[in-house]
Amino acid sequence: MTTGIGILPPDPLFCFKENMGNVHALCFPERNPDYCDLLLAGTEKGDVYFWDLESNRLQHKQKMGESIQALHAIEYDIITQEKNGLVKLWSIENNTGYKVQRSYQAYGGFCKSVLLEKQLILSQEKATVDIIDIDTFESIRKFVPDDNEKLGTAMCLEAFKIGGTTYLLVGYENGHLILYDYSTAQQCSQLRFKEFTTSVTFDPHSYRGVVANSSNALQVFKIDPECLEIVLQAELVLPNEGCQMVKFRPDHRLLMAGGWDGGLRIYSWRTLRTLVVLKEHKKQISDLQFSPNIVRYWDSKIFATGGADGTIALWNVYHSYTY
């Protein structure tokens, strides 16, 4: 009888390796209501790669700035956010490439912007957050914390609804997590977590969320739907320090955590039990995105991870059509 043989983690469906350098940002443009056929990747070099998901080949590559930290797509238009804070709206020109249509100067740094319908949420100076209108590229609202003296820079953003009201969570450099009412920009509550917050994700069905940081622990919290108080509930210990990205699968059944060690840890959200650790990346995982529709090549919805090792991996681990 053979003993001591563990079950190996599953392999990715496919890997894109094109000497891209550090891949900071990924985006699945939603151009067709029935399927996804394109994956965008923004890199430290400022290049954006257009990967054809019908053939798994490089379709197009274009220099679109310096150190692309976040990417968004609105039909055939693209929004890039650079480390220096410059945000650009790009449109196709003569079917040969993209040209800048509008730009906006934010504070910069590593905080990934969030696209909420026709509004873009951006980190700004002095711990503030700006909302800009996509049609005009002008600021329409600013979130100012009650006390911004020691918060540091906004490091992560998460927008969601509770009881029909939209809220915004902002994680700060010193570990504070602040909840704002999105429509009024008023601060609702706050709680200090471990320092150097890197990512936050929230499940509006259970009113629970997870904060990642530079420590060796993910911190699970809950927001009281009545008084909006933030309460720490539990910690998930990691084998190594540093987690760059936490995100729920869209059906909120699985929690995914991309570490500085390159491991992608997948947890059952109900039990908080580790289901598997995916180890394709050799360096930090920088972004994780889910395809909104089926990718026809794989006849499945998938998710993609990009990292500092210059690799993009495509996965359908624990796949479910319900999300």
C-alpha atoms as a PDB file:
ATOM      1  CA  MET A   1       0.000   0.000   0.000  1.00  0.00           C
ATOM      2  CA  THR A   2       1.387   3.381  -1.039  1.00  0.00           C
ATOM      3  CA  THR A   3       1.321   6.146   1.565  1.00  0.00           C
ATOM      4  CA  GLY A   4       2.516   9.726   1.846  1.00  0.00           C
ATOM      5  CA  ILE A   5       1.507  10.760  -1.672  1.00  0.00           C
ATOM      6  CA  GLY A   6      -0.352  14.080  -1.682  1.00  0.00           C
ATOM      7  CA  ILE A   7      -2.774  15.307  -4.294  1.00  0.00           C
ATOM      8  CA  LEU A   8      -1.057  17.759  -6.617  1.00  0.00           C
ATOM      9  CA  PRO A   9      -2.753  21.129  -7.253  1.00  0.00           C
ATOM     10  CA  PRO A  10      -4.424  21.438 -10.661  1.00  0.00           C
ATOM     11  CA  ASP A  11      -2.581  22.946 -13.603  1.00  0.00           C
ATOM     12  CA  PRO A  12      -3.785  26.099 -15.358  1.00  0.00           C
ATOM     13  CA  LEU A  13      -5.746  25.784 -18.584  1.00  0.00           C
ATOM     14  CA  PHE A  14      -3.141  27.869 -20.380  1.00  0.00           C
ATOM     15  CA  CYS A  15      -0.320  30.336 -19.677  1.00  0.00           C
ATOM     16  CA  PHE A  16       0.623  33.454 -21.632  1.00  0.00           C
ATOM     17  CA  LYS A  17       4.382  34.043 -21.525  1.00  0.00           C
ATOM     18  CA  GLU A  18       5.628  36.815 -23.812  1.00  0.00           C
ATOM     19  CA  ASN A  19       8.473  38.479 -21.890  1.00  0.00           C
ATOM     20  CA  MET A  20       5.886  40.947 -20.591  1.00  0.00           C
ATOM     21  CA  GLY A  21       7.651  41.822 -17.349  1.00  0.00           C
ATOM     22  CA  ASN A  22       5.568  42.495 -14.236  1.00  0.00           C
ATOM     23  CA  VAL A  23       1.869  42.151 -15.064  1.00  0.00           C
ATOM     24  CA  HIS A  24       0.008  44.583 -12.779  1.00  0.00           C
ATOM     25  CA  ALA A  25      -3.484  44.633 -14.272  1.00  0.00           C
ATOM     26  CA  LEU A  26      -5.938  42.360 -16.103  1.00  0.00           C
ATOM     27  CA  CYS A  27      -9.308  43.021 -17.726  1.00  0.00           C
ATOM     28  CA  PHE A  28     -11.880  40.933 -19.613  1.00  0.00           C
ATOM     29  CA  PRO A  29     -13.707  43.407 -21.927  1.00  0.00           C
ATOM     30  CA  GLU A  30     -17.429  42.629 -22.051  1.00  0.00           C
ATOM     31  CA  ARG A  31     -18.110  43.227 -25.760  1.00  0.00           C
ATOM     32  CA  ASN A  32     -20.449  40.341 -26.427  1.00  0.00           C
ATOM     33  CA  PRO A  33     -23.337  39.271 -24.163  1.00  0.00           C
ATOM     34  CA  ASP A  34     -22.707  35.568 -24.829  1.00  0.00           C
ATOM     35  CA  TYR A  35     -18.940  35.066 -24.632  1.00  0.00           C
ATOM     36  CA  CYS A  36     -15.528  36.615 -23.840  1.00  0.00           C
ATOM     37  CA  ASP A  37     -12.916  36.642 -26.584  1.00  0.00           C
ATOM     38  CA  LEU A  38     -10.246  39.027 -25.248  1.00  0.00           C
ATOM     39  CA  LEU A  39      -8.026  39.527 -22.203  1.00  0.00           C
ATOM     40  CA  LEU A  40      -6.125  42.784 -21.621  1.00  0.00           C
ATOM     41  CA  ALA A  41      -2.918  42.896 -19.573  1.00  0.00           C
ATOM     42  CA  GLY A  42      -1.190  46.057 -18.332  1.00  0.00           C
ATOM     43  CA  THR A  43       2.487  45.894 -17.404  1.00  0.00           C
ATOM     44  CA  GLU A  44       5.223  47.707 -15.491  1.00  0.00           C
ATOM     45  CA  LYS A  45       6.747  48.731 -18.832  1.00  0.00           C
ATOM     46  CA  GLY A  46       3.538  50.561 -19.770  1.00  0.00           C
ATOM     47  CA  ASP A  47       2.559  48.129 -22.499  1.00  0.00           C
ATOM     48  CA  VAL A  48      -0.965  46.747 -22.817  1.00  0.00           C
ATOM     49  CA  TYR A  49      -1.215  43.257 -24.319  1.00  0.00           C
ATOM     50  CA  PHE A  50      -4.389  42.177 -26.127  1.00  0.00           C
ATOM     51  CA  TRP A  51      -4.647  38.386 -25.803  1.00  0.00           C
ATOM     52  CA  ASP A  52      -7.059  36.639 -28.183  1.00  0.00           C
ATOM     53  CA  LEU A  53      -8.960  34.030 -26.159  1.00  0.00           C
ATOM     54  CA  GLU A  54     -10.301  32.343 -29.308  1.00  0.00           C
ATOM     55  CA  SER A  55      -6.794  31.328 -30.404  1.00  0.00           C
ATOM     56  CA  ASN A  56      -4.708  31.937 -27.227  1.00  0.00           C
ATOM     57  CA  ARG A  57      -2.389  34.161 -29.256  1.00  0.00           C
ATOM     58  CA  LEU A  58      -1.245  37.767 -28.988  1.00  0.00           C
ATOM     59  CA  GLN A  59      -3.588  39.934 -31.042  1.00  0.00           C
ATOM     60  CA  HIS A  60      -2.110  43.383 -30.417  1.00  0.00           C
ATOM     61  CA  LYS A  61       0.394  45.203 -28.207  1.00  0.00           C
ATOM     62  CA  GLN A  62       0.537  48.941 -27.590  1.00  0.00           C
ATOM     63  CA  LYS A  63       2.509  51.309 -25.403  1.00  0.00           C
ATOM     64  CA  MET A  64      -0.175  53.100 -23.360  1.00  0.00           C
ATOM     65  CA  GLY A  65       1.734  54.789 -20.536  1.00  0.00           C
ATOM     66  CA  GLU A  66       4.135  54.053 -17.699  1.00  0.00           C
ATOM     67  CA  SER A  67       3.570  51.276 -15.148  1.00  0.00           C
ATOM     68  CA  ILE A  68      -0.097  50.424 -15.809  1.00  0.00           C
ATOM     69  CA  GLN A  69      -1.704  49.654 -12.413  1.00  0.00           C
ATOM     70  CA  ALA A  70      -5.343  49.165 -13.477  1.00  0.00           C
ATOM     71  CA  LEU A  71      -7.352  48.524 -16.648  1.00  0.00           C
ATOM     72  CA  HIS A  72     -11.044  48.929 -17.421  1.00  0.00           C
ATOM     73  CA  ALA A  73     -13.075  48.436 -20.591  1.00  0.00           C
ATOM     74  CA  ILE A  74     -16.332  50.085 -21.641  1.00  0.00           C
ATOM     75  CA  GLU A  75     -17.385  48.264 -24.807  1.00  0.00           C
ATOM     76  CA  TYR A  76     -14.492  49.082 -27.193  1.00  0.00           C
ATOM     77  CA  ASP A  77     -12.975  51.907 -25.124  1.00  0.00           C
ATOM     78  CA  ILE A  78     -10.187  51.300 -22.598  1.00  0.00           C
ATOM     79  CA  ILE A  79      -9.262  53.136 -19.402  1.00  0.00           C
ATOM     80  CA  THR A  80      -5.672  52.920 -18.129  1.00  0.00           C
ATOM     81  CA  GLN A  81      -4.415  54.010 -14.726  1.00  0.00           C
ATOM     82  CA  GLU A  82      -0.685  54.594 -14.294  1.00  0.00           C
ATOM     83  CA  LYS A  83       1.432  54.481 -11.158  1.00  0.00           C
ATOM     84  CA  ASN A  84       2.048  58.239 -11.473  1.00  0.00           C
ATOM     85  CA  GLY A  85      -1.721  58.793 -11.160  1.00  0.00           C
ATOM     86  CA  LEU A  86      -2.449  59.628 -14.792  1.00  0.00           C
ATOM     87  CA  VAL A  87      -5.743  58.120 -15.980  1.00  0.00           C
ATOM     88  CA  LYS A  88      -6.483  57.948 -19.714  1.00  0.00           C
ATOM     89  CA  LEU A  89      -9.512  57.067 -21.810  1.00  0.00           C
ATOM     90  CA  TRP A  90      -8.566  55.389 -25.116  1.00  0.00           C
ATOM     91  CA  SER A  91     -10.630  54.754 -28.252  1.00  0.00           C
ATOM     92  CA  ILE A  92      -9.853  52.777 -31.421  1.00  0.00           C
ATOM     93  CA  GLU A  93      -8.457  54.909 -34.242  1.00  0.00           C
ATOM     94  CA  ASN A  94      -8.671  53.662 -37.855  1.00  0.00           C
ATOM     95  CA  ASN A  95      -8.741  50.034 -36.644  1.00  0.00           C
ATOM     96  CA  THR A  96      -4.950  50.170 -36.202  1.00  0.00           C
ATOM     97  CA  GLY A  97      -4.553  51.143 -32.564  1.00  0.00           C
ATOM     98  CA  TYR A  98      -5.851  53.246 -29.697  1.00  0.00           C
ATOM     99  CA  LYS A  99      -5.676  57.015 -29.238  1.00  0.00           C
ATOM    100  CA  VAL A 100      -6.116  59.006 -26.011  1.00  0.00           C
ATOM    101  CA  GLN A 101      -9.448  60.862 -25.876  1.00  0.00           C
ATOM    102  CA  ARG A 102      -9.369  62.250 -22.312  1.00  0.00           C
ATOM    103  CA  SER A 103      -7.081  62.231 -19.282  1.00  0.00           C
ATOM    104  CA  TYR A 104      -7.261  62.976 -15.546  1.00  0.00           C
ATOM    105  CA  GLN A 105      -4.483  63.408 -13.005  1.00  0.00           C
ATOM    106  CA  ALA A 106      -4.972  61.520  -9.735  1.00  0.00           C
ATOM    107  CA  TYR A 107      -2.486  61.062  -6.891  1.00  0.00           C
ATOM    108  CA  GLY A 108      -0.814  57.882  -8.048  1.00  0.00           C
ATOM    109  CA  GLY A 109       0.525  54.873  -6.223  1.00  0.00           C
ATOM    110  CA  PHE A 110      -0.616  51.250  -6.177  1.00  0.00           C
ATOM    111  CA  CYS A 111      -4.319  51.665  -5.371  1.00  0.00           C
ATOM    112  CA  LYS A 112      -6.323  50.104  -8.214  1.00  0.00           C
ATOM    113  CA  SER A 113      -9.215  52.248  -9.432  1.00  0.00           C
ATOM    114  CA  VAL A 114     -12.760  50.852  -9.425  1.00  0.00           C
ATOM    115  CA  LEU A 115     -15.260  51.308 -12.272  1.00  0.00           C
ATOM    116  CA  LEU A 116     -18.837  51.591 -11.018  1.00  0.00           C
ATOM    117  CA  GLU A 117     -21.221  51.985 -13.937  1.00  0.00           C
ATOM    118  CA  LYS A 118     -20.228  55.324 -15.538  1.00  0.00           C
ATOM    119  CA  GLN A 119     -18.059  56.495 -12.642  1.00  0.00           C
ATOM    120  CA  LEU A 120     -14.406  55.808 -11.837  1.00  0.00           C
ATOM    121  CA  ILE A 121     -13.249  55.727  -8.193  1.00  0.00           C
ATOM    122  CA  LEU A 122      -9.637  56.901  -7.689  1.00  0.00           C
ATOM    123  CA  SER A 123      -7.171  57.389  -4.851  1.00  0.00           C
ATOM    124  CA  GLN A 124      -6.249  61.042  -4.441  1.00  0.00           C
ATOM    125  CA  GLU A 125      -3.810  63.020  -2.277  1.00  0.00           C
ATOM    126  CA  LYS A 126      -4.086  63.456   1.507  1.00  0.00           C
ATOM    127  CA  ALA A 127      -6.008  60.192   1.989  1.00  0.00           C
ATOM    128  CA  THR A 128      -8.938  61.431  -0.113  1.00  0.00           C
ATOM    129  CA  VAL A 129     -10.776  59.595  -2.892  1.00  0.00           C
ATOM    130  CA  ASP A 130     -12.174  61.128  -6.095  1.00  0.00           C
ATOM    131  CA  ILE A 131     -15.111  60.036  -8.231  1.00  0.00           C
ATOM    132  CA  ILE A 132     -14.861  61.090 -11.871  1.00  0.00           C
ATOM    133  CA  ASP A 133     -17.579  60.968 -14.501  1.00  0.00           C
ATOM    134  CA  ILE A 134     -16.519  58.807 -17.446  1.00  0.00           C
ATOM    135  CA  ASP A 135     -18.336  60.967 -20.015  1.00  0.00           C
ATOM    136  CA  THR A 136     -16.647  64.215 -18.957  1.00  0.00           C
ATOM    137  CA  PHE A 137     -13.567  62.933 -17.069  1.00  0.00           C
ATOM    138  CA  GLU A 138     -14.255  65.546 -14.391  1.00  0.00           C
ATOM    139  CA  SER A 139     -14.451  65.067 -10.620  1.00  0.00           C
ATOM    140  CA  ILE A 140     -18.030  64.904  -9.341  1.00  0.00           C
ATOM    141  CA  ARG A 141     -17.481  63.850  -5.715  1.00  0.00           C
ATOM    142  CA  LYS A 142     -14.692  63.671  -3.138  1.00  0.00           C
ATOM    143  CA  PHE A 143     -14.430  61.454  -0.055  1.00  0.00           C
ATOM    144  CA  VAL A 144     -12.543  63.133   2.789  1.00  0.00           C
ATOM    145  CA  PRO A 145     -11.930  61.158   6.001  1.00  0.00           C
ATOM    146  CA  ASP A 146     -12.804  62.815   9.296  1.00  0.00           C
ATOM    147  CA  ASP A 147      -9.165  62.613  10.413  1.00  0.00           C
ATOM    148  CA  ASN A 148      -6.575  62.105   7.669  1.00  0.00           C
ATOM    149  CA  GLU A 149      -3.454  63.056   9.611  1.00  0.00           C
ATOM    150  CA  LYS A 150      -2.004  59.558  10.055  1.00  0.00           C
ATOM    151  CA  LEU A 151      -3.952  57.437   7.562  1.00  0.00           C
ATOM    152  CA  GLY A 152      -1.376  57.576   4.792  1.00  0.00           C
ATOM    153  CA  THR A 153      -2.360  56.834   1.209  1.00  0.00           C
ATOM    154  CA  ALA A 154      -5.534  55.020   0.177  1.00  0.00           C
ATOM    155  CA  MET A 155      -4.340  51.549  -0.849  1.00  0.00           C
ATOM    156  CA  CYS A 156      -7.519  49.697  -1.903  1.00  0.00           C
ATOM    157  CA  LEU A 157     -11.169  50.306  -2.759  1.00  0.00           C
ATOM    158  CA  GLU A 158     -14.353  48.228  -2.739  1.00  0.00           C
ATOM    159  CA  ALA A 159     -17.884  49.384  -3.688  1.00  0.00           C
ATOM    160  CA  PHE A 160     -21.046  47.396  -2.875  1.00  0.00           C
ATOM    161  CA  LYS A 161     -24.689  47.706  -1.819  1.00  0.00           C
ATOM    162  CA  ILE A 162     -26.403  46.986   1.496  1.00  0.00           C
ATOM    163  CA  GLY A 163     -30.180  47.317   1.528  1.00  0.00           C
ATOM    164  CA  GLY A 164     -30.230  49.262  -1.728  1.00  0.00           C
ATOM    165  CA  THR A 165     -27.660  51.839  -0.564  1.00  0.00           C
ATOM    166  CA  THR A 166     -24.216  51.940  -2.182  1.00  0.00           C
ATOM    167  CA  TYR A 167     -21.184  52.096   0.101  1.00  0.00           C
ATOM    168  CA  LEU A 168     -17.460  52.442  -0.414  1.00  0.00           C
ATOM    169  CA  LEU A 169     -14.754  50.761   1.666  1.00  0.00           C
ATOM    170  CA  VAL A 170     -11.313  52.379   1.591  1.00  0.00           C
ATOM    171  CA  GLY A 171      -8.253  50.666   3.047  1.00  0.00           C
ATOM    172  CA  TYR A 172      -5.381  52.930   4.106  1.00  0.00           C
ATOM    173  CA  GLU A 173      -1.644  52.600   4.476  1.00  0.00           C
ATOM    174  CA  ASN A 174      -1.728  52.632   8.282  1.00  0.00           C
ATOM    175  CA  GLY A 175      -4.287  49.790   8.411  1.00  0.00           C
ATOM    176  CA  HIS A 176      -7.504  51.776   8.830  1.00  0.00           C
ATOM    177  CA  LEU A 177     -10.569  50.602   6.936  1.00  0.00           C
ATOM    178  CA  ILE A 178     -13.188  53.350   6.494  1.00  0.00           C
ATOM    179  CA  LEU A 179     -16.759  52.882   5.296  1.00  0.00           C
ATOM    180  CA  TYR A 180     -18.389  55.752   3.369  1.00  0.00           C
ATOM    181  CA  ASP A 181     -21.890  56.338   2.057  1.00  0.00           C
ATOM    182  CA  TYR A 182     -21.232  56.490  -1.690  1.00  0.00           C
ATOM    183  CA  SER A 183     -23.938  59.012  -2.607  1.00  0.00           C
ATOM    184  CA  THR A 184     -23.255  61.498   0.216  1.00  0.00           C
ATOM    185  CA  ALA A 185     -19.491  60.871   0.693  1.00  0.00           C
ATOM    186  CA  GLN A 186     -20.100  60.840   4.458  1.00  0.00           C
ATOM    187  CA  GLN A 187     -17.970  58.621   6.688  1.00  0.00           C
ATOM    188  CA  CYS A 188     -20.062  55.898   8.379  1.00  0.00           C
ATOM    189  CA  SER A 189     -17.563  53.913  10.455  1.00  0.00           C
ATOM    190  CA  GLN A 190     -13.955  52.787  10.685  1.00  0.00           C
ATOM    191  CA  LEU A 191     -11.722  50.134  12.223  1.00  0.00           C
ATOM    192  CA  ARG A 192      -7.963  49.720  12.308  1.00  0.00           C
ATOM    193  CA  PHE A 193      -6.509  46.472  10.980  1.00  0.00           C
ATOM    194  CA  LYS A 194      -2.892  45.425  10.500  1.00  0.00           C
ATOM    195  CA  GLU A 195      -0.665  47.999   8.780  1.00  0.00           C
ATOM    196  CA  PHE A 196      -0.069  48.393   5.056  1.00  0.00           C
ATOM    197  CA  THR A 197      -3.439  47.280   3.729  1.00  0.00           C
ATOM    198  CA  THR A 198      -3.135  45.915   0.182  1.00  0.00           C
ATOM    199  CA  SER A 199      -6.632  44.690  -0.753  1.00  0.00           C
ATOM    200  CA  VAL A 200     -10.198  44.416   0.510  1.00  0.00           C
ATOM    201  CA  THR A 201     -13.177  42.398  -0.715  1.00  0.00           C
ATOM    202  CA  PHE A 202     -16.748  42.247   0.602  1.00  0.00           C
ATOM    203  CA  ASP A 203     -19.723  39.882   0.417  1.00  0.00           C
ATOM    204  CA  PRO A 204     -22.986  41.892   0.734  1.00  0.00           C
ATOM    205  CA  HIS A 205     -25.009  38.696   1.259  1.00  0.00           C
ATOM    206  CA  SER A 206     -23.312  37.742   4.529  1.00  0.00           C
ATOM    207  CA  TYR A 207     -22.165  41.301   5.361  1.00  0.00           C
ATOM    208  CA  ARG A 208     -18.639  39.926   5.772  1.00  0.00           C
ATOM    209  CA  GLY A 209     -15.392  40.834   4.078  1.00  0.00           C
ATOM    210  CA  VAL A 210     -11.654  40.201   4.088  1.00  0.00           C
ATOM    211  CA  VAL A 211      -8.686  42.555   4.361  1.00  0.00           C
ATOM    212  CA  ALA A 212      -5.214  41.627   3.073  1.00  0.00           C
ATOM    213  CA  ASN A 213      -1.989  43.310   4.131  1.00  0.00           C
ATOM    214  CA  SER A 214       1.766  42.863   4.473  1.00  0.00           C
ATOM    215  CA  SER A 215       1.438  40.490   7.445  1.00  0.00           C
ATOM    216  CA  ASN A 216       0.974  36.713   7.417  1.00  0.00           C
ATOM    217  CA  ALA A 217      -2.766  36.935   8.169  1.00  0.00           C
ATOM    218  CA  LEU A 218      -5.970  37.673   6.279  1.00  0.00           C
ATOM    219  CA  GLN A 219      -8.454  39.485   8.529  1.00  0.00           C
ATOM    220  CA  VAL A 220     -12.164  38.645   8.306  1.00  0.00           C
ATOM    221  CA  PHE A 221     -14.617  41.360   9.351  1.00  0.00           C
ATOM    222  CA  LYS A 222     -18.355  42.011   9.433  1.00  0.00           C
ATOM    223  CA  ILE A 223     -20.398  45.176   8.872  1.00  0.00           C
ATOM    224  CA  ASP A 224     -23.564  45.463  10.933  1.00  0.00           C
ATOM    225  CA  PRO A 225     -26.289  46.210   8.344  1.00  0.00           C
ATOM    226  CA  GLU A 226     -28.210  48.345  10.863  1.00  0.00           C
ATOM    227  CA  CYS A 227     -25.593  50.544  12.544  1.00  0.00           C
ATOM    228  CA  LEU A 228     -22.809  49.965   9.930  1.00  0.00           C
ATOM    229  CA  GLU A 229     -20.203  49.227  12.608  1.00  0.00           C
ATOM    230  CA  ILE A 230     -17.141  47.281  11.369  1.00  0.00           C
ATOM    231  CA  VAL A 231     -16.172  44.352  13.631  1.00  0.00           C
ATOM    232  CA  LEU A 232     -13.141  42.036  13.340  1.00  0.00           C
ATOM    233  CA  GLN A 233     -14.267  38.384  13.403  1.00  0.00           C
ATOM    234  CA  ALA A 234     -11.345  36.097  12.559  1.00  0.00           C
ATOM    235  CA  GLU A 235      -7.885  35.754  11.059  1.00  0.00           C
ATOM    236  CA  LEU A 236      -6.652  33.287   8.447  1.00  0.00           C
ATOM    237  CA  VAL A 237      -2.959  32.573   8.966  1.00  0.00           C
ATOM    238  CA  LEU A 238      -0.749  32.407   5.862  1.00  0.00           C
ATOM    239  CA  PRO A 239       2.527  30.467   5.630  1.00  0.00           C
ATOM    240  CA  ASN A 240       4.393  33.565   4.409  1.00  0.00           C
ATOM    241  CA  GLU A 241       4.056  37.300   4.887  1.00  0.00           C
ATOM    242  CA  GLY A 242       2.227  39.458   2.360  1.00  0.00           C
ATOM    243  CA  CYS A 243      -0.955  39.059   0.327  1.00  0.00           C
ATOM    244  CA  GLN A 244      -1.472  41.433  -2.600  1.00  0.00           C
ATOM    245  CA  MET A 245      -4.981  40.519  -3.731  1.00  0.00           C
ATOM    246  CA  VAL A 246      -8.152  39.114  -2.175  1.00  0.00           C
ATOM    247  CA  LYS A 247     -11.313  38.625  -4.196  1.00  0.00           C
ATOM    248  CA  PHE A 248     -14.520  36.620  -4.051  1.00  0.00           C
ATOM    249  CA  ARG A 249     -15.683  34.560  -6.959  1.00  0.00           C
ATOM    250  CA  PRO A 250     -18.798  36.392  -8.246  1.00  0.00           C
ATOM    251  CA  ASP A 251     -21.140  33.892  -6.531  1.00  0.00           C
ATOM    252  CA  HIS A 252     -19.337  34.536  -3.197  1.00  0.00           C
ATOM    253  CA  ARG A 253     -18.811  30.831  -2.528  1.00  0.00           C
ATOM    254  CA  LEU A 254     -15.036  30.972  -2.864  1.00  0.00           C
ATOM    255  CA  LEU A 255     -12.457  33.416  -1.516  1.00  0.00           C
ATOM    256  CA  MET A 256      -9.205  33.750  -3.453  1.00  0.00           C
ATOM    257  CA  ALA A 257      -5.999  35.239  -2.076  1.00  0.00           C
ATOM    258  CA  GLY A 258      -2.942  35.997  -4.204  1.00  0.00           C
ATOM    259  CA  GLY A 259       0.235  36.071  -2.125  1.00  0.00           C
ATOM    260  CA  TRP A 260       3.606  37.745  -2.383  1.00  0.00           C
ATOM    261  CA  ASP A 261       5.009  34.213  -2.544  1.00  0.00           C
ATOM    262  CA  GLY A 262       3.164  33.556  -5.848  1.00  0.00           C
ATOM    263  CA  GLY A 263       0.643  31.140  -4.360  1.00  0.00           C
ATOM    264  CA  LEU A 264      -3.081  31.545  -5.046  1.00  0.00           C
ATOM    265  CA  ARG A 265      -4.993  30.214  -2.054  1.00  0.00           C
ATOM    266  CA  ILE A 266      -8.633  29.268  -2.566  1.00  0.00           C
ATOM    267  CA  TYR A 267     -10.884  29.062   0.497  1.00  0.00           C
ATOM    268  CA  SER A 268     -14.432  27.917   1.062  1.00  0.00           C
ATOM    269  CA  TRP A 269     -16.134  31.120   2.178  1.00  0.00           C
ATOM    270  CA  ARG A 270     -18.653  29.209   4.280  1.00  0.00           C
ATOM    271  CA  THR A 271     -16.102  27.244   6.310  1.00  0.00           C
ATOM    272  CA  LEU A 272     -12.946  29.354   5.744  1.00  0.00           C
ATOM    273  CA  ARG A 273     -11.166  26.086   4.958  1.00  0.00           C
ATOM    274  CA  THR A 274      -8.314  26.076   2.423  1.00  0.00           C
ATOM    275  CA  LEU A 275      -9.390  24.041  -0.603  1.00  0.00           C
ATOM    276  CA  VAL A 276      -6.258  24.284  -2.743  1.00  0.00           C
ATOM    277  CA  VAL A 277      -3.119  26.352  -3.309  1.00  0.00           C
ATOM    278  CA  LEU A 278      -2.307  27.054  -6.966  1.00  0.00           C
ATOM    279  CA  LYS A 279       1.419  27.448  -7.530  1.00  0.00           C
ATOM    280  CA  GLU A 280       1.916  28.427 -11.172  1.00  0.00           C
ATOM    281  CA  HIS A 281       3.377  31.863 -10.396  1.00  0.00           C
ATOM    282  CA  LYS A 282       6.934  32.123  -9.110  1.00  0.00           C
ATOM    283  CA  LYS A 283       6.604  35.688  -7.830  1.00  0.00           C
ATOM    284  CA  GLN A 284       3.876  37.949  -6.394  1.00  0.00           C
ATOM    285  CA  ILE A 285       0.370  37.712  -7.838  1.00  0.00           C
ATOM    286  CA  SER A 286      -0.634  41.260  -8.809  1.00  0.00           C
ATOM    287  CA  ASP A 287      -4.161  40.859 -10.178  1.00  0.00           C
ATOM    288  CA  LEU A 288      -7.029  38.390 -10.459  1.00  0.00           C
ATOM    289  CA  GLN A 289     -10.065  38.783 -12.726  1.00  0.00           C
ATOM    290  CA  PHE A 290     -13.079  36.624 -13.611  1.00  0.00           C
ATOM    291  CA  SER A 291     -14.505  36.379 -17.107  1.00  0.00           C
ATOM    292  CA  PRO A 292     -18.081  37.723 -17.108  1.00  0.00           C
ATOM    293  CA  ASN A 293     -19.085  35.223 -19.807  1.00  0.00           C
ATOM    294  CA  ILE A 294     -17.995  31.890 -21.258  1.00  0.00           C
ATOM    295  CA  VAL A 295     -14.704  31.653 -23.150  1.00  0.00           C
ATOM    296  CA  ARG A 296     -15.623  29.513 -26.157  1.00  0.00           C
ATOM    297  CA  TYR A 297     -12.185  27.916 -26.513  1.00  0.00           C
ATOM    298  CA  TRP A 298     -12.669  26.305 -23.079  1.00  0.00           C
ATOM    299  CA  ASP A 299     -16.491  26.188 -23.162  1.00  0.00           C
ATOM    300  CA  SER A 300     -16.382  27.633 -19.677  1.00  0.00           C
ATOM    301  CA  LYS A 301     -16.156  30.766 -17.614  1.00  0.00           C
ATOM    302  CA  ILE A 302     -12.576  31.176 -16.428  1.00  0.00           C
ATOM    303  CA  PHE A 303     -10.449  33.408 -14.233  1.00  0.00           C
ATOM    304  CA  ALA A 304      -7.014  34.842 -14.919  1.00  0.00           C
ATOM    305  CA  THR A 305      -4.075  35.651 -12.641  1.00  0.00           C
ATOM    306  CA  GLY A 306      -1.156  37.911 -13.512  1.00  0.00           C
ATOM    307  CA  GLY A 307       2.059  38.326 -11.605  1.00  0.00           C
ATOM    308  CA  ALA A 308       5.502  39.803 -11.182  1.00  0.00           C
ATOM    309  CA  ASP A 309       6.973  36.789 -12.976  1.00  0.00           C
ATOM    310  CA  GLY A 310       5.547  38.078 -16.277  1.00  0.00           C
ATOM    311  CA  THR A 311       3.088  35.202 -16.586  1.00  0.00           C
ATOM    312  CA  ILE A 312      -0.692  35.189 -17.031  1.00  0.00           C
ATOM    313  CA  ALA A 313      -2.428  31.951 -16.067  1.00  0.00           C
ATOM    314  CA  LEU A 314      -5.962  30.956 -17.096  1.00  0.00           C
ATOM    315  CA  TRP A 315      -7.955  28.731 -14.719  1.00  0.00           C
ATOM    316  CA  ASN A 316     -11.355  27.082 -14.228  1.00  0.00           C
ATOM    317  CA  VAL A 317     -10.730  25.491 -10.825  1.00  0.00           C
ATOM    318  CA  TYR A 318     -13.959  24.745  -8.908  1.00  0.00           C
ATOM    319  CA  HIS A 319     -15.823  26.217 -11.841  1.00  0.00           C
ATOM    320  CA  SER A 320     -19.529  26.997 -11.597  1.00  0.00           C
ATOM    321  CA  TYR A 321     -21.797  28.379 -14.299  1.00  0.00           C
ATOM    322  CA  THR A 322     -23.980  29.961 -11.615  1.00  0.00           C
ATOM    323  CA  TYR A 323     -21.687  32.941 -11.024  1.00  0.00           C
END
